[in-house]
C-alpha cells in the first residue's frame, strides 16, 4: 500500500526548479516541470551523485558527477555517464507517485 507524505508547499518549487527531500528513508528529488510535479530517487545509479546538485532542462535532470541523464517523468535513464572518452549505460531511477492535496506536494512511497 502506498503511503503519502507531505514534502513541501507547491509555492516552494516554481516551474523549472527541483529540490531534494528525505521521505521514508530515501533521498527523493522533486521537480516542477511546466507546473506538474514529479519525483525520482535523488541518488544517481552510476556513482551515487546527488541529482539535486545537477541541472534541470525541461524534464531531464543531469547528474553533476559524470553527466548521466534521467527523465523526471518516468525515472528512465536517457543517457549514461561519460568517463574519460567512453559513454557508459546506467540503470533507471525509481520514480514515485506525486499528488497535490490543496497546495501540499505529497510523495507516495511503497
PDB file of N, CA and C in Angstrom:
ATOM      1  N   UNK A   1       0.847  -1.188   0.000  1.00  0.00           N
ATOM      2  CA  UNK A   1       0.000   0.000   0.000  1.00  0.00           C
ATOM      3  C   UNK A   1       0.889   1.247   0.000  1.00  0.00           C
ATOM      4  N   UNK A   2       0.560   2.198  -0.847  1.00  0.00           N
ATOM      5  CA  UNK A   2       1.322   3.439  -0.961  1.00  0.00           C
ATOM      6  C   UNK A   2       0.905   4.395   0.151  1.00  0.00           C
ATOM      7  N   UNK A   3       1.909   4.960   0.837  1.00  0.00           N
ATOM      8  CA  UNK A   3       1.649   5.957   1.860  1.00  0.00           C
ATOM      9  C   UNK A   3       2.199   7.290   1.383  1.00  0.00           C
ATOM     10  N   UNK A   4       1.392   8.334   1.488  1.00  0.00           N
ATOM     11  CA  UNK A   4       1.791   9.652   1.018  1.00  0.00           C
ATOM     12  C   UNK A   4       2.291  10.513   2.173  1.00  0.00           C
ATOM     13  N   UNK A   5       3.372  11.250   1.887  1.00  0.00           N
ATOM     14  CA  UNK A   5       3.982  12.147   2.858  1.00  0.00           C
ATOM     15  C   UNK A   5       4.094  13.532   2.244  1.00  0.00           C
ATOM     16  N   UNK A   6       3.691  14.543   3.008  1.00  0.00           N
ATOM     17  CA  UNK A   6       3.856  15.919   2.542  1.00  0.00           C
ATOM     18  C   UNK A   6       5.335  16.285   2.597  1.00  0.00           C
ATOM     19  N   UNK A   7       5.834  16.864   1.486  1.00  0.00           N
ATOM     20  CA  UNK A   7       7.236  17.290   1.465  1.00  0.00           C
ATOM     21  C   UNK A   7       7.385  18.805   1.363  1.00  0.00           C
ATOM     22  N   UNK A   8       6.389  19.476   0.773  1.00  0.00           N
ATOM     23  CA  UNK A   8       6.520  20.929   0.578  1.00  0.00           C
ATOM     24  C   UNK A   8       5.189  21.509   0.139  1.00  0.00           C
ATOM     25  N   UNK A   9       5.124  22.821   0.137  1.00  0.00           N
ATOM     26  CA  UNK A   9       4.010  23.522  -0.500  1.00  0.00           C
ATOM     27  C   UNK A   9       4.384  23.756  -1.954  1.00  0.00           C
ATOM     28  N   UNK A  10       3.412  23.705  -2.823  1.00  0.00           N
ATOM     29  CA  UNK A  10       3.657  23.884  -4.255  1.00  0.00           C
ATOM     30  C   UNK A  10       4.359  25.206  -4.549  1.00  0.00           C
ATOM     31  N   UNK A  11       4.095  26.220  -3.749  1.00  0.00           N
ATOM     32  CA  UNK A  11       4.712  27.535  -3.966  1.00  0.00           C
ATOM     33  C   UNK A  11       6.221  27.522  -3.752  1.00  0.00           C
ATOM     34  N   UNK A  12       6.755  26.482  -3.094  1.00  0.00           N
ATOM     35  CA  UNK A  12       8.196  26.397  -2.834  1.00  0.00           C
ATOM     36  C   UNK A  12       8.993  25.964  -4.062  1.00  0.00           C
ATOM     37  N   UNK A  13       8.320  25.382  -5.047  1.00  0.00           N
ATOM     38  CA  UNK A  13       9.003  24.901  -6.250  1.00  0.00           C
ATOM     39  C   UNK A  13       8.366  25.540  -7.486  1.00  0.00           C
ATOM     40  N   UNK A  14       8.971  26.605  -7.966  1.00  0.00           N
ATOM     41  CA  UNK A  14       8.451  27.250  -9.169  1.00  0.00           C
ATOM     42  C   UNK A  14       8.816  26.395 -10.386  1.00  0.00           C
ATOM     43  N   UNK A  15       8.128  26.588 -11.507  1.00  0.00           N
ATOM     44  CA  UNK A  15       8.434  25.802 -12.708  1.00  0.00           C
ATOM     45  C   UNK A  15       9.922  25.889 -13.070  1.00  0.00           C
ATOM     46  N   UNK A  16      10.495  24.727 -13.403  1.00  0.00           N
ATOM     47  CA  UNK A  16      11.904  24.661 -13.775  1.00  0.00           C
ATOM     48  C   UNK A  16      12.860  24.516 -12.615  1.00  0.00           C
ATOM     49  N   UNK A  17      12.316  24.251 -11.404  1.00  0.00           N
ATOM     50  CA  UNK A  17      13.185  24.074 -10.237  1.00  0.00           C
ATOM     51  C   UNK A  17      12.998  22.681  -9.653  1.00  0.00           C
ATOM     52  N   UNK A  18      13.975  22.281  -8.829  1.00  0.00           N
ATOM     53  CA  UNK A  18      13.926  20.981  -8.172  1.00  0.00           C
ATOM     54  C   UNK A  18      14.555  21.097  -6.795  1.00  0.00           C
ATOM     55  N   UNK A  19      14.192  20.140  -5.922  1.00  0.00           N
ATOM     56  CA  UNK A  19      14.696  20.163  -4.551  1.00  0.00           C
ATOM     57  C   UNK A  19      14.675  18.745  -3.997  1.00  0.00           C
ATOM     58  N   UNK A  20      15.635  18.449  -3.123  1.00  0.00           N
ATOM     59  CA  UNK A  20      15.750  17.128  -2.511  1.00  0.00           C
ATOM     60  C   UNK A  20      15.049  17.107  -1.158  1.00  0.00           C
ATOM     61  N   UNK A  21      14.371  15.969  -0.883  1.00  0.00           N
ATOM     62  CA  UNK A  21      13.693  15.764   0.398  1.00  0.00           C
ATOM     63  C   UNK A  21      13.979  14.349   0.890  1.00  0.00           C
ATOM     64  N   UNK A  22      13.991  14.164   2.198  1.00  0.00           N
ATOM     65  CA  UNK A  22      14.080  12.830   2.785  1.00  0.00           C
ATOM     66  C   UNK A  22      12.652  12.337   3.013  1.00  0.00           C
ATOM     67  N   UNK A  23      12.330  11.182   2.395  1.00  0.00           N
ATOM     68  CA  UNK A  23      10.992  10.620   2.512  1.00  0.00           C
ATOM     69  C   UNK A  23      11.132   9.118   2.756  1.00  0.00           C
ATOM     70  N   UNK A  24      10.643   8.650   3.878  1.00  0.00           N
ATOM     71  CA  UNK A  24      10.668   7.216   4.161  1.00  0.00           C
ATOM     72  C   UNK A  24      12.045   6.590   4.059  1.00  0.00           C
ATOM     73  N   UNK A  25      13.075   7.302   4.484  1.00  0.00           N
ATOM     74  CA  UNK A  25      14.431   6.777   4.439  1.00  0.00           C
ATOM     75  C   UNK A  25      15.112   6.908   3.088  1.00  0.00           C
ATOM     76  N   UNK A  26      14.455   7.496   2.114  1.00  0.00           N
ATOM     77  CA  UNK A  26      15.028   7.695   0.775  1.00  0.00           C
ATOM     78  C   UNK A  26      15.281   9.183   0.530  1.00  0.00           C
ATOM     79  N   UNK A  27      16.291   9.472  -0.299  1.00  0.00           N
ATOM     80  CA  UNK A  27      16.523  10.833  -0.774  1.00  0.00           C
ATOM     81  C   UNK A  27      15.731  10.967  -2.077  1.00  0.00           C
ATOM     82  N   UNK A  28      14.761  11.858  -2.100  1.00  0.00           N
ATOM     83  CA  UNK A  28      13.840  11.999  -3.227  1.00  0.00           C
ATOM     84  C   UNK A  28      13.997  13.382  -3.840  1.00  0.00           C
ATOM     85  N   UNK A  29      14.131  13.408  -5.160  1.00  0.00           N
ATOM     86  CA  UNK A  29      14.223  14.656  -5.907  1.00  0.00           C
ATOM     87  C   UNK A  29      12.843  14.989  -6.452  1.00  0.00           C
ATOM     88  N   UNK A  30      12.331  16.150  -6.093  1.00  0.00           N
ATOM     89  CA  UNK A  30      11.033  16.614  -6.580  1.00  0.00           C
ATOM     90  C   UNK A  30      11.285  17.793  -7.496  1.00  0.00           C
ATOM     91  N   UNK A  31      10.658  17.757  -8.677  1.00  0.00           N
ATOM     92  CA  UNK A  31      10.853  18.828  -9.650  1.00  0.00           C
ATOM     93  C   UNK A  31       9.502  19.315 -10.165  1.00  0.00           C
ATOM     94  N   UNK A  32       9.476  20.604 -10.475  1.00  0.00           N
ATOM     95  CA  UNK A  32       8.314  21.219 -11.099  1.00  0.00           C
ATOM     96  C   UNK A  32       8.647  21.359 -12.584  1.00  0.00           C
ATOM     97  N   UNK A  33       7.983  20.574 -13.401  1.00  0.00           N
ATOM     98  CA  UNK A  33       8.198  20.594 -14.846  1.00  0.00           C
ATOM     99  C   UNK A  33       6.928  21.138 -15.493  1.00  0.00           C
ATOM    100  N   UNK A  34       6.988  22.397 -15.883  1.00  0.00           N
ATOM    101  CA  UNK A  34       5.832  23.019 -16.537  1.00  0.00           C
ATOM    102  C   UNK A  34       4.580  23.048 -15.691  1.00  0.00           C
ATOM    103  N   UNK A  35       4.730  23.170 -14.379  1.00  0.00           N
ATOM    104  CA  UNK A  35       3.574  23.241 -13.491  1.00  0.00           C
ATOM    105  C   UNK A  35       3.126  21.896 -12.954  1.00  0.00           C
ATOM    106  N   UNK A  36       3.753  20.812 -13.395  1.00  0.00           N
ATOM    107  CA  UNK A  36       3.454  19.474 -12.875  1.00  0.00           C
ATOM    108  C   UNK A  36       4.641  19.003 -12.049  1.00  0.00           C
ATOM    109  N   UNK A  37       4.349  18.252 -10.994  1.00  0.00           N
ATOM    110  CA  UNK A  37       5.391  17.793 -10.084  1.00  0.00           C
ATOM    111  C   UNK A  37       5.709  16.320 -10.320  1.00  0.00           C
ATOM    112  N   UNK A  38       7.011  16.007 -10.296  1.00  0.00           N
ATOM    113  CA  UNK A  38       7.497  14.650 -10.495  1.00  0.00           C
ATOM    114  C   UNK A  38       8.544  14.358  -9.445  1.00  0.00           C
ATOM    115  N   UNK A  39       8.714  13.067  -9.122  1.00  0.00           N
ATOM    116  CA  UNK A  39       9.690  12.681  -8.098  1.00  0.00           C
ATOM    117  C   UNK A  39      10.404  11.400  -8.506  1.00  0.00           C
ATOM    118  N   UNK A  40      11.736  11.423  -8.361  1.00  0.00           N
ATOM    119  CA  UNK A  40      12.571  10.241  -8.549  1.00  0.00           C
ATOM    120  C   UNK A  40      13.576  10.194  -7.410  1.00  0.00           C
ATOM    121  N   UNK A  41      14.258   9.072  -7.274  1.00  0.00           N
ATOM    122  CA  UNK A  41      15.312   8.986  -6.266  1.00  0.00           C
ATOM    123  C   UNK A  41      16.398  10.001  -6.622  1.00  0.00           C
ATOM    124  N   UNK A  42      16.981  10.645  -5.634  1.00  0.00           N
ATOM    125  CA  UNK A  42      17.949  11.719  -5.868  1.00  0.00           C
ATOM    126  C   UNK A  42      19.392  11.242  -5.887  1.00  0.00           C
ATOM    127  N   UNK A  43      19.603   9.935  -5.874  1.00  0.00           N
ATOM    128  CA  UNK A  43      20.956   9.380  -5.851  1.00  0.00           C
ATOM    129  C   UNK A  43      21.215   8.698  -7.189  1.00  0.00           C
ATOM    130  N   UNK A  44      22.177   9.208  -7.954  1.00  0.00           N
ATOM    131  CA  UNK A  44      22.468   8.671  -9.279  1.00  0.00           C
ATOM    132  C   UNK A  44      22.805   7.185  -9.199  1.00  0.00           C
ATOM    133  N   UNK A  45      22.272   6.423 -10.127  1.00  0.00           N
ATOM    134  CA  UNK A  45      22.506   4.976 -10.151  1.00  0.00           C
ATOM    135  C   UNK A  45      23.907   4.625 -10.627  1.00  0.00           C
ATOM    136  N   UNK A  46      24.668   5.599 -11.134  1.00  0.00           N
ATOM    137  CA  UNK A  46      26.028   5.314 -11.602  1.00  0.00           C
ATOM    138  C   UNK A  46      27.015   5.299 -10.441  1.00  0.00           C
ATOM    139  N   UNK A  47      27.264   6.446  -9.833  1.00  0.00           N
ATOM    140  CA  UNK A  47      28.215   6.516  -8.710  1.00  0.00           C
ATOM    141  C   UNK A  47      27.677   7.356  -7.560  1.00  0.00           C
ATOM    142  N   UNK A  48      26.375   7.295  -7.359  1.00  0.00           N
ATOM    143  CA  UNK A  48      25.698   7.914  -6.220  1.00  0.00           C
ATOM    144  C   UNK A  48      25.849   9.428  -6.144  1.00  0.00           C
ATOM    145  N   UNK A  49      25.977  10.097  -7.282  1.00  0.00           N
ATOM    146  CA  UNK A  49      25.983  11.553  -7.290  1.00  0.00           C
ATOM    147  C   UNK A  49      24.634  12.092  -6.830  1.00  0.00           C
ATOM    148  N   UNK A  50      24.635  13.277  -6.256  1.00  0.00           N
ATOM    149  CA  UNK A  50      23.411  13.919  -5.771  1.00  0.00           C
ATOM    150  C   UNK A  50      22.744  14.649  -6.928  1.00  0.00           C
ATOM    151  N   UNK A  51      21.663  14.089  -7.437  1.00  0.00           N
ATOM    152  CA  UNK A  51      20.985  14.686  -8.597  1.00  0.00           C
ATOM    153  C   UNK A  51      20.444  16.078  -8.303  1.00  0.00           C
ATOM    154  N   UNK A  52      20.167  16.375  -7.039  1.00  0.00           N
ATOM    155  CA  UNK A  52      19.647  17.713  -6.714  1.00  0.00           C
ATOM    156  C   UNK A  52      20.688  18.803  -6.964  1.00  0.00           C
ATOM    157  N   UNK A  53      21.953  18.423  -7.083  1.00  0.00           N
ATOM    158  CA  UNK A  53      23.020  19.379  -7.386  1.00  0.00           C
ATOM    159  C   UNK A  53      23.283  19.476  -8.883  1.00  0.00           C
ATOM    160  N   UNK A  54      22.545  18.702  -9.657  1.00  0.00           N
ATOM    161  CA  UNK A  54      22.712  18.708 -11.110  1.00  0.00           C
ATOM    162  C   UNK A  54      21.913  19.809 -11.762  1.00  0.00           C
ATOM    163  N   UNK A  55      21.720  19.672 -13.064  1.00  0.00           N
ATOM    164  CA  UNK A  55      20.973  20.674 -13.816  1.00  0.00           C
ATOM    165  C   UNK A  55      19.662  20.088 -14.321  1.00  0.00           C
ATOM    166  N   UNK A  56      18.686  20.957 -14.465  1.00  0.00           N
ATOM    167  CA  UNK A  56      17.364  20.576 -14.940  1.00  0.00           C
ATOM    168  C   UNK A  56      17.080  21.329 -16.232  1.00  0.00           C
ATOM    169  N   UNK A  57      16.816  20.578 -17.290  1.00  0.00           N
ATOM    170  CA  UNK A  57      16.413  21.167 -18.571  1.00  0.00           C
ATOM    171  C   UNK A  57      15.167  20.442 -19.026  1.00  0.00           C
ATOM    172  N   UNK A  58      14.033  21.161 -18.991  1.00  0.00           N
ATOM    173  CA  UNK A  58      12.759  20.517 -19.311  1.00  0.00           C
ATOM    174  C   UNK A  58      12.475  19.439 -18.286  1.00  0.00           C
ATOM    175  N   UNK A  59      12.305  18.197 -18.762  1.00  0.00           N
ATOM    176  CA  UNK A  59      12.039  17.090 -17.845  1.00  0.00           C
ATOM    177  C   UNK A  59      13.270  16.202 -17.627  1.00  0.00           C
ATOM    178  N   UNK A  60      14.457  16.681 -18.022  1.00  0.00           N
ATOM    179  CA  UNK A  60      15.694  15.910 -17.906  1.00  0.00           C
ATOM    180  C   UNK A  60      16.599  16.511 -16.834  1.00  0.00           C
ATOM    181  N   UNK A  61      17.013  15.660 -15.878  1.00  0.00           N
ATOM    182  CA  UNK A  61      17.987  16.068 -14.865  1.00  0.00           C
ATOM    183  C   UNK A  61      19.321  15.423 -15.223  1.00  0.00           C
ATOM    184  N   UNK A  62      20.399  16.209 -15.121  1.00  0.00           N
ATOM    185  CA  UNK A  62      21.748  15.737 -15.432  1.00  0.00           C
ATOM    186  C   UNK A  62      22.559  15.672 -14.146  1.00  0.00           C
ATOM    187  N   UNK A  63      23.152  14.510 -13.889  1.00  0.00           N
ATOM    188  CA  UNK A  63      23.976  14.312 -12.696  1.00  0.00           C
ATOM    189  C   UNK A  63      25.239  15.166 -12.799  1.00  0.00           C
ATOM    190  N   UNK A  64      25.616  15.834 -11.709  1.00  0.00           N
ATOM    191  CA  UNK A  64      26.809  16.692 -11.748  1.00  0.00           C
ATOM    192  C   UNK A  64      28.130  15.919 -11.781  1.00  0.00           C
ATOM    193  N   UNK A  65      28.123  14.640 -11.468  1.00  0.00           N
ATOM    194  CA  UNK A  65      29.385  13.887 -11.392  1.00  0.00           C
ATOM    195  C   UNK A  65      29.910  13.466 -12.758  1.00  0.00           C
ATOM    196  N   UNK A  66      29.117  12.729 -13.535  1.00  0.00           N
ATOM    197  CA  UNK A  66      29.608  12.221 -14.823  1.00  0.00           C
ATOM    198  C   UNK A  66      28.605  12.419 -15.955  1.00  0.00           C
ATOM    199  N   UNK A  67      27.557  13.204 -15.732  1.00  0.00           N
ATOM    200  CA  UNK A  67      26.655  13.574 -16.808  1.00  0.00           C
ATOM    201  C   UNK A  67      25.552  12.596 -17.146  1.00  0.00           C
ATOM    202  N   UNK A  68      25.290  11.603 -16.295  1.00  0.00           N
ATOM    203  CA  UNK A  68      24.138  10.726 -16.546  1.00  0.00           C
ATOM    204  C   UNK A  68      22.883  11.585 -16.571  1.00  0.00           C
ATOM    205  N   UNK A  69      21.927  11.193 -17.416  1.00  0.00           N
ATOM    206  CA  UNK A  69      20.687  11.953 -17.509  1.00  0.00           C
ATOM    207  C   UNK A  69      19.489  11.040 -17.294  1.00  0.00           C
ATOM    208  N   UNK A  70      18.480  11.595 -16.610  1.00  0.00           N
ATOM    209  CA  UNK A  70      17.280  10.841 -16.284  1.00  0.00           C
ATOM    210  C   UNK A  70      16.045  11.674 -16.614  1.00  0.00           C
ATOM    211  N   UNK A  71      15.008  10.985 -17.104  1.00  0.00           N
ATOM    212  CA  UNK A  71      13.727  11.616 -17.380  1.00  0.00           C
ATOM    213  C   UNK A  71      12.949  11.662 -16.069  1.00  0.00           C
ATOM    214  N   UNK A  72      12.655  12.848 -15.587  1.00  0.00           N
ATOM    215  CA  UNK A  72      11.953  13.006 -14.313  1.00  0.00           C
ATOM    216  C   UNK A  72      10.531  12.472 -14.342  1.00  0.00           C
ATOM    217  N   UNK A  73       9.937  12.384 -15.516  1.00  0.00           N
ATOM    218  CA  UNK A  73       8.555  11.926 -15.591  1.00  0.00           C
ATOM    219  C   UNK A  73       8.428  10.418 -15.433  1.00  0.00           C
ATOM    220  N   UNK A  74       9.534   9.686 -15.674  1.00  0.00           N
ATOM    221  CA  UNK A  74       9.496   8.218 -15.625  1.00  0.00           C
ATOM    222  C   UNK A  74      10.605   7.599 -14.788  1.00  0.00           C
ATOM    223  N   UNK A  75      11.695   8.316 -14.567  1.00  0.00           N
ATOM    224  CA  UNK A  75      12.871   7.764 -13.906  1.00  0.00           C
ATOM    225  C   UNK A  75      13.815   7.044 -14.857  1.00  0.00           C
ATOM    226  N   UNK A  76      13.445   6.951 -16.118  1.00  0.00           N
ATOM    227  CA  UNK A  76      14.255   6.228 -17.108  1.00  0.00           C
ATOM    228  C   UNK A  76      15.567   6.955 -17.385  1.00  0.00           C
ATOM    229  N   UNK A  77      16.630   6.163 -17.524  1.00  0.00           N
ATOM    230  CA  UNK A  77      17.919   6.699 -17.927  1.00  0.00           C
ATOM    231  C   UNK A  77      17.862   7.035 -19.410  1.00  0.00           C
ATOM    232  N   UNK A  78      18.217   8.265 -19.768  1.00  0.00           N
ATOM    233  CA  UNK A  78      18.202   8.661 -21.183  1.00  0.00           C
ATOM    234  C   UNK A  78      19.612   8.816 -21.738  1.00  0.00           C
ATOM    235  N   UNK A  79      20.604   8.909 -20.845  1.00  0.00           N
ATOM    236  CA  UNK A  79      21.996   8.962 -21.279  1.00  0.00           C
ATOM    237  C   UNK A  79      22.876   8.538 -20.108  1.00  0.00           C
ATOM    238  N   UNK A  80      23.804   7.636 -20.396  1.00  0.00           N
ATOM    239  CA  UNK A  80      24.702   7.150 -19.365  1.00  0.00           C
ATOM    240  C   UNK A  80      25.826   8.127 -19.088  1.00  0.00           C
ATOM    241  N   UNK A  81      26.633   7.808 -18.085  1.00  0.00           N
ATOM    242  CA  UNK A  81      27.736   8.683 -17.694  1.00  0.00           C
ATOM    243  C   UNK A  81      28.860   8.656 -18.715  1.00  0.00           C
ATOM    244  N   UNK A  82      29.601   9.742 -18.759  1.00  0.00           N
ATOM    245  CA  UNK A  82      30.784   9.804 -19.607  1.00  0.00           C
ATOM    246  C   UNK A  82      32.002   9.773 -18.697  1.00  0.00           C
ATOM    247  N   UNK A  83      32.800   8.707 -18.858  1.00  0.00           N
ATOM    248  CA  UNK A  83      34.019   8.545 -18.082  1.00  0.00           C
ATOM    249  C   UNK A  83      35.164   8.483 -19.076  1.00  0.00           C
ATOM    250  N   UNK A  84      36.112   9.409 -18.937  1.00  0.00           N
ATOM    251  CA  UNK A  84      37.179   9.589 -19.934  1.00  0.00           C
ATOM    252  C   UNK A  84      36.491   9.908 -21.263  1.00  0.00           C
ATOM    253  N   UNK A  85      36.682   9.083 -22.276  1.00  0.00           N
ATOM    254  CA  UNK A  85      36.049   9.326 -23.580  1.00  0.00           C
ATOM    255  C   UNK A  85      34.969   8.303 -23.883  1.00  0.00           C
ATOM    256  N   UNK A  86      34.532   7.566 -22.865  1.00  0.00           N
ATOM    257  CA  UNK A  86      33.575   6.478 -23.062  1.00  0.00           C
ATOM    258  C   UNK A  86      32.237   6.830 -22.419  1.00  0.00           C
ATOM    259  N   UNK A  87      31.148   6.623 -23.135  1.00  0.00           N
ATOM    260  CA  UNK A  87      29.804   6.828 -22.602  1.00  0.00           C
ATOM    261  C   UNK A  87      29.281   5.455 -22.166  1.00  0.00           C
ATOM    262  N   UNK A  88      28.982   5.295 -20.875  1.00  0.00           N
ATOM    263  CA  UNK A  88      28.511   4.039 -20.311  1.00  0.00           C
ATOM    264  C   UNK A  88      26.995   4.031 -20.199  1.00  0.00           C
ATOM    265  N   UNK A  89      26.439   2.879 -19.904  1.00  0.00           N
ATOM    266  CA  UNK A  89      24.997   2.815 -19.639  1.00  0.00           C
ATOM    267  C   UNK A  89      24.791   2.839 -18.134  1.00  0.00           C
ATOM    268  N   UNK A  90      23.600   3.174 -17.709  1.00  0.00           N
ATOM    269  CA  UNK A  90      23.281   3.214 -16.290  1.00  0.00           C
ATOM    270  C   UNK A  90      21.848   2.754 -16.092  1.00  0.00           C
ATOM    271  N   UNK A  91      21.520   2.393 -14.873  1.00  0.00           N
ATOM    272  CA  UNK A  91      20.185   1.900 -14.543  1.00  0.00           C
ATOM    273  C   UNK A  91      19.215   3.069 -14.383  1.00  0.00           C
ATOM    274  N   UNK A  92      17.931   2.744 -14.519  1.00  0.00           N
ATOM    275  CA  UNK A  92      16.877   3.726 -14.301  1.00  0.00           C
ATOM    276  C   UNK A  92      16.784   4.078 -12.816  1.00  0.00           C
ATOM    277  N   UNK A  93      16.205   5.230 -12.547  1.00  0.00           N
ATOM    278  CA  UNK A  93      15.927   5.666 -11.176  1.00  0.00           C
ATOM    279  C   UNK A  93      14.508   5.244 -10.794  1.00  0.00           C
ATOM    280  N   UNK A  94      14.292   4.899  -9.530  1.00  0.00           N
ATOM    281  CA  UNK A  94      12.917   4.675  -9.100  1.00  0.00           C
ATOM    282  C   UNK A  94      12.133   5.987  -9.198  1.00  0.00           C
ATOM    283  N   UNK A  95      10.918   5.917  -9.679  1.00  0.00           N
ATOM    284  CA  UNK A  95      10.035   7.081  -9.745  1.00  0.00           C
ATOM    285  C   UNK A  95       8.927   6.900  -8.707  1.00  0.00           C
ATOM    286  N   UNK A  96       8.489   7.996  -8.134  1.00  0.00           N
ATOM    287  CA  UNK A  96       7.493   7.947  -7.081  1.00  0.00           C
ATOM    288  C   UNK A  96       6.246   8.723  -7.504  1.00  0.00           C
ATOM    289  N   UNK A  97       5.119   8.273  -6.996  1.00  0.00           N
ATOM    290  CA  UNK A  97       3.853   8.939  -7.289  1.00  0.00           C
ATOM    291  C   UNK A  97       3.804  10.275  -6.562  1.00  0.00           C
ATOM    292  N   UNK A  98       3.305  11.293  -7.254  1.00  0.00           N
ATOM    293  CA  UNK A  98       3.174  12.634  -6.676  1.00  0.00           C
ATOM    294  C   UNK A  98       1.726  13.074  -6.845  1.00  0.00           C
ATOM    295  N   UNK A  99       1.187  13.659  -5.790  1.00  0.00           N
ATOM    296  CA  UNK A  99      -0.151  14.248  -5.910  1.00  0.00           C
ATOM    297  C   UNK A  99      -0.190  15.541  -5.115  1.00  0.00           C
ATOM    298  N   UNK A 100      -1.107  16.398  -5.506  1.00  0.00           N
ATOM    299  CA  UNK A 100      -1.332  17.646  -4.772  1.00  0.00           C
ATOM    300  C   UNK A 100      -2.589  17.494  -3.937  1.00  0.00           C
ATOM    301  N   UNK A 101      -2.478  17.861  -2.679  1.00  0.00           N
ATOM    302  CA  UNK A 101      -3.648  17.954  -1.804  1.00  0.00           C
ATOM    303  C   UNK A 101      -3.714  19.411  -1.379  1.00  0.00           C
ATOM    304  N   UNK A 102      -4.619  20.147  -2.005  1.00  0.00           N
ATOM    305  CA  UNK A 102      -4.640  21.592  -1.809  1.00  0.00           C
ATOM    306  C   UNK A 102      -3.372  22.146  -2.415  1.00  0.00           C
ATOM    307  N   UNK A 103      -2.535  22.780  -1.590  1.00  0.00           N
ATOM    308  CA  UNK A 103      -1.259  23.296  -2.083  1.00  0.00           C
ATOM    309  C   UNK A 103      -0.080  22.431  -1.630  1.00  0.00           C
ATOM    310  N   UNK A 104      -0.363  21.285  -1.012  1.00  0.00           N
ATOM    311  CA  UNK A 104       0.681  20.409  -0.490  1.00  0.00           C
ATOM    312  C   UNK A 104       1.137  19.398  -1.536  1.00  0.00           C
ATOM    313  N   UNK A 105       2.465  19.299  -1.713  1.00  0.00           N
ATOM    314  CA  UNK A 105       3.051  18.265  -2.572  1.00  0.00           C
ATOM    315  C   UNK A 105       3.203  17.014  -1.731  1.00  0.00           C
ATOM    316  N   UNK A 106       2.573  15.933  -2.169  1.00  0.00           N
ATOM    317  CA  UNK A 106       2.575  14.660  -1.449  1.00  0.00           C
ATOM    318  C   UNK A 106       3.322  13.618  -2.289  1.00  0.00           C
ATOM    319  N   UNK A 107       4.258  12.892  -1.662  1.00  0.00           N
ATOM    320  CA  UNK A 107       5.026  11.856  -2.334  1.00  0.00           C
ATOM    321  C   UNK A 107       4.565  10.505  -1.816  1.00  0.00           C
ATOM    322  N   UNK A 108       4.278   9.592  -2.751  1.00  0.00           N
ATOM    323  CA  UNK A 108       3.845   8.248  -2.390  1.00  0.00           C
ATOM    324  C   UNK A 108       4.999   7.277  -2.378  1.00  0.00           C
ATOM    325  N   UNK A 109       5.178   6.608  -1.243  1.00  0.00           N
ATOM    326  CA  UNK A 109       6.247   5.615  -1.087  1.00  0.00           C
ATOM    327  C   UNK A 109       5.594   4.263  -0.821  1.00  0.00           C
ATOM    328  N   UNK A 110       6.104   3.220  -1.469  1.00  0.00           N
ATOM    329  CA  UNK A 110       5.537   1.871  -1.234  1.00  0.00           C
ATOM    330  C   UNK A 110       5.834   1.376   0.171  1.00  0.00           C
TER     331      UNK A 110
END
